[in-house]
Protein backbone atom coordinates (compact mmCIF):
# COMPACT_ATOMS: atom_id res chain seq x y z
CA MET A 1 -11.04 42.07 14.68
CA GLY A 2 -9.09 39.17 13.15
CA LYS A 3 -9.29 37.05 16.30
CA PHE A 4 -13.02 37.76 16.60
CA THR A 5 -13.57 36.61 13.00
CA GLN A 6 -11.60 33.43 13.65
CA SER A 7 -13.68 32.73 16.74
CA VAL A 8 -16.91 33.16 14.79
CA ARG A 9 -15.64 30.82 12.07
CA ARG A 10 -14.69 28.24 14.66
CA ILE A 11 -18.17 28.42 16.22
CA VAL A 12 -19.80 28.03 12.81
CA GLN A 13 -17.51 25.11 12.02
CA ASP A 14 -18.33 23.42 15.33
CA VAL A 15 -22.02 23.74 14.50
CA LYS A 16 -21.42 22.15 11.09
CA ASP A 17 -19.56 19.28 12.75
CA GLU A 18 -22.59 18.22 14.76
CA GLY A 19 -23.87 14.97 13.31
CA THR A 20 -21.93 13.27 10.52
CA SER A 21 -22.84 10.49 8.11
CA SER A 22 -20.58 7.98 9.88
CA GLY A 23 -21.46 9.07 13.39
CA GLN A 24 -17.78 9.59 14.22
CA THR A 25 -16.41 12.51 16.16
CA LYS A 26 -13.89 14.86 14.60
CA GLU A 27 -11.09 13.29 16.64
CA GLU A 28 -12.05 9.86 15.32
CA VAL A 29 -12.09 10.88 11.65
CA ILE A 30 -8.73 12.63 12.11
CA GLU A 31 -7.30 9.44 13.62
CA THR A 32 -8.65 7.42 10.67
CA ASN A 33 -7.12 9.93 8.27
CA GLU A 34 -3.71 9.50 9.89
CA ARG A 35 -3.91 5.69 9.77
CA LEU A 36 -4.89 5.67 6.10
CA ARG A 37 -2.17 8.15 5.18
CA ILE A 38 0.63 6.29 6.97
CA VAL A 39 -0.33 2.90 5.56
CA ARG A 40 -0.71 4.34 2.05
CA ILE A 41 2.82 5.79 2.16
CA ARG A 42 4.27 2.48 3.31
CA LEU A 43 2.33 0.39 0.80
CA ASP A 44 3.25 2.79 -2.01
CA GLY A 45 6.92 2.20 -1.26
CA SER A 46 6.60 -1.58 -1.15
CA TYR A 47 4.53 -1.63 -4.33
CA GLU A 48 7.02 0.49 -6.27
CA ILE A 49 9.94 -1.73 -5.20
CA ALA A 50 8.10 -4.90 -6.15
CA LYS A 51 6.81 -3.47 -9.42
CA ARG A 52 10.21 -2.42 -10.70
CA ALA A 53 11.86 -5.59 -9.44
CA LEU A 54 9.34 -7.77 -11.25
CA VAL A 55 9.72 -5.85 -14.51
CA GLU A 56 13.51 -6.02 -14.22
CA LEU A 57 13.22 -9.73 -13.54
CA MET A 58 11.31 -10.26 -16.77
CA CYS A 59 13.75 -8.11 -18.73
CA LYS A 60 16.70 -10.19 -17.58
CA TYR A 61 14.91 -13.32 -18.76
CA THR A 62 17.88 -15.71 -18.80
CA ASP A 63 19.04 -14.66 -15.34
CA SER A 64 15.60 -14.94 -13.85
CA LYS A 65 15.93 -18.47 -12.48
CA GLN A 66 17.81 -17.51 -9.33
CA ASP A 67 16.34 -14.00 -9.13
CA VAL A 68 12.88 -15.47 -8.59
CA ILE A 69 13.93 -16.78 -5.20
CA LYS A 70 15.71 -13.54 -4.34
CA LEU A 71 12.64 -11.50 -5.21
CA GLU A 72 10.40 -13.67 -3.09
CA THR A 73 12.60 -13.44 -0.01
CA GLN A 74 13.52 -9.77 -0.32
CA TYR A 75 10.29 -8.07 -1.28
CA TRP A 76 7.41 -10.16 0.00
CA THR A 77 8.35 -10.54 3.66
CA LEU A 78 7.06 -7.04 4.38
CA VAL A 79 3.43 -7.81 5.02
CA ASP A 80 0.67 -10.32 4.37
CA ILE A 81 -2.41 -8.71 2.86
CA PRO A 82 -5.59 -10.48 3.99
CA LYS A 83 -8.25 -11.65 1.57
CA GLN A 84 -11.44 -9.63 1.45
CA GLU A 85 -14.40 -11.54 2.85
CA LYS A 86 -17.48 -11.85 0.63
CA GLN A 87 -19.69 -9.72 2.88
CA GLU A 88 -16.91 -7.31 3.88
CA THR A 89 -17.29 -3.70 2.75
CA VAL A 90 -14.40 -1.80 1.18
CA PRO A 91 -13.88 0.49 4.23
CA ALA A 92 -13.93 -2.49 6.62
CA PHE A 93 -11.44 -4.43 4.50
CA VAL A 94 -9.08 -1.47 4.15
CA LEU A 95 -9.09 -0.76 7.90
CA ARG A 96 -8.45 -4.46 8.61
CA ALA A 97 -5.49 -4.39 6.22
CA CYS A 98 -4.28 -1.21 7.96
CA SER A 99 -4.39 -2.95 11.34
CA ILE A 100 -2.25 -5.81 10.02
CA MET A 101 0.30 -3.51 8.40
CA GLU A 102 0.50 -1.34 11.51
CA LYS A 103 1.57 -4.40 13.53
CA THR A 104 4.19 -5.47 11.00
CA HIS A 105 7.73 -4.16 11.34
CA LYS A 106 8.89 -2.39 8.21
CA SER A 107 11.72 -4.38 6.65
CA GLY A 108 15.07 -2.60 6.53
CA GLU A 109 14.03 0.18 8.87
CA GLY A 110 16.63 0.76 11.55
CA VAL A 111 16.56 2.81 14.74
CA LYS A 112 15.44 6.37 14.04
CA THR A 113 17.64 9.25 15.11
CA SER A 114 16.34 12.02 17.36
CA ALA A 115 16.49 14.39 14.39
CA ARG A 116 14.39 12.03 12.29
CA LEU A 117 11.86 11.62 15.10
CA ALA A 118 11.64 15.39 15.55
CA GLU A 119 11.14 15.86 11.81
CA GLU A 120 8.35 13.28 11.75
CA ALA A 121 6.71 14.93 14.77
CA ASP A 122 6.76 18.32 13.03
CA THR A 123 5.28 16.84 9.87
CA LYS A 124 2.53 15.13 11.82
CA ARG A 125 1.72 18.32 13.71
CA GLU A 126 1.35 20.17 10.40
CA ARG A 127 -1.00 17.47 9.10
CA ILE A 128 -3.11 17.59 12.25
CA GLU A 129 -3.31 21.39 12.10
CA ARG A 130 -4.54 21.16 8.52
CA LEU A 131 -7.20 18.65 9.50
CA GLU A 132 -8.24 20.70 12.53
CA SER A 133 -9.02 23.61 10.21
CA MET A 134 -11.42 21.42 8.21
CA THR A 135 -14.95 20.34 9.05
CA THR A 136 -15.62 16.74 10.01
CA ALA A 137 -17.56 16.26 6.77
CA GLN A 138 -14.57 17.47 4.74
CA ILE A 139 -12.24 15.07 6.55
CA GLU A 140 -14.68 12.22 6.00
CA ALA A 141 -14.77 13.00 2.27
CA GLU A 142 -10.96 12.92 2.18
CA ASN A 143 -10.93 9.65 4.12
CA THR A 144 -13.37 8.11 1.64
CA GLN A 145 -11.11 9.03 -1.27
CA MET A 146 -8.03 7.72 0.53
CA THR A 147 -9.87 4.48 1.36
CA ASN A 148 -10.80 3.93 -2.28
CA ASP A 149 -7.25 4.71 -3.47
CA LEU A 150 -5.75 2.38 -0.87
CA TYR A 151 -8.20 -0.37 -1.81
CA ARG A 152 -7.11 -0.26 -5.46
CA LEU A 153 -3.45 -0.29 -4.41
CA LEU A 154 -4.02 -3.26 -2.10
CA LYS A 155 -5.58 -5.20 -4.97
CA LYS A 156 -2.68 -4.45 -7.32
CA TYR A 157 -0.12 -5.24 -4.61
CA THR A 158 -1.81 -8.59 -3.92
CA GLY A 159 -1.85 -9.39 -7.64
CA LEU A 160 1.92 -8.88 -7.87
CA ARG A 161 2.55 -10.90 -4.76
CA ASN A 162 0.55 -13.83 -6.11
CA LEU A 163 2.49 -13.72 -9.39
CA ILE A 164 5.82 -13.92 -7.57
CA ARG A 165 4.60 -16.66 -5.25
CA ASP A 166 3.34 -18.78 -8.17
CA LEU A 167 6.59 -18.25 -10.07
CA LYS A 168 8.63 -19.34 -7.07
CA GLU A 169 6.53 -22.48 -6.57
CA GLU A 170 6.83 -23.41 -10.25
CA TYR A 171 10.56 -22.79 -10.14
CA ASN A 172 10.98 -25.07 -7.12
CA SER A 173 8.88 -27.75 -8.83
CA SER A 174 11.06 -27.56 -11.94
CA LYS A 175 14.13 -28.61 -9.93
CA VAL A 176 13.11 -32.26 -10.30
CA TYR A 177 13.96 -32.03 -14.01
CA PRO A 178 17.47 -32.12 -15.51
CA ILE A 179 18.89 -28.72 -16.45
CA PHE A 180 18.23 -28.91 -20.21
CA PRO A 181 14.48 -29.64 -20.14
CA ARG A 182 14.14 -27.39 -17.11
CA TYR A 183 15.34 -24.26 -18.93
CA PRO A 184 12.50 -24.28 -21.54
CA ILE A 185 10.05 -24.84 -18.69
CA LEU A 186 11.36 -21.75 -16.92
CA LYS A 187 11.12 -19.71 -20.11
CA ASP A 188 7.50 -20.81 -20.55
CA MET A 189 6.77 -19.85 -16.95
CA ILE A 190 8.10 -16.34 -17.55
CA LYS A 191 6.18 -16.01 -20.80
CA ASP A 192 2.98 -16.90 -18.95
CA ILE A 193 3.69 -14.20 -16.38
CA MET A 194 4.37 -11.63 -19.09
CA HIS A 195 0.86 -12.19 -20.49
CA ASN A 196 -0.82 -12.07 -17.09
CA PRO A 197 -3.12 -8.99 -16.74
CA ASP A 198 -1.59 -8.09 -13.36
CA TYR A 199 1.90 -7.98 -14.86
CA MET A 200 0.79 -6.18 -18.02
CA GLU A 201 -0.75 -3.41 -15.90
CA VAL A 202 2.47 -3.04 -13.92
CA CYS A 203 4.60 -3.03 -17.07
CA HIS A 204 2.41 -0.26 -18.49
CA GLU A 205 2.92 1.80 -15.31
CA VAL A 206 6.71 1.48 -15.57
CA ASP A 207 6.61 2.52 -19.24
CA GLN A 208 4.76 5.69 -18.23
CA ALA A 209 7.22 6.52 -15.42
């Protein structure tokens, strides 16, 4: 009786899956779901590292001169986030960013062991099984939410990256000055960053953590 009920539910679900708002098949929306999820996990990690490093950099204050260069080289070689074109929709921009990140090697990631690969395969199988039990419309709704979340994270990530890049350029420019006038310049640079909306948002996030 249980198997019969499951079969009926599957038939009903297949009927529901006919014709979706995006015109994608169930396999296609599942593939999109996987791409969004993987990129979100990776970007989350990079963002958290950069966020805490930037806040720590500002807290050090007097030590920040050399740390600016270190931060730029260590944390921003992971990936280049493209700019969103004027006519580009949010979903199109997010998927384009996903494509770029998927082609970029994750910094610091070594060769995976067979145990690690097996664990990742099991986790992926569980995710796919969960998605298979959902209707295409449900997966699309989840994808839309993930797209919007990833879009906001991309914007915040880009804001931090631009702050670090500007700070590095200003630091390099300050090298033409003798050490004594250069130090007040560096302090002013850091003060400017501390009042930047992108930094203030990040600082607030760290305070809440």
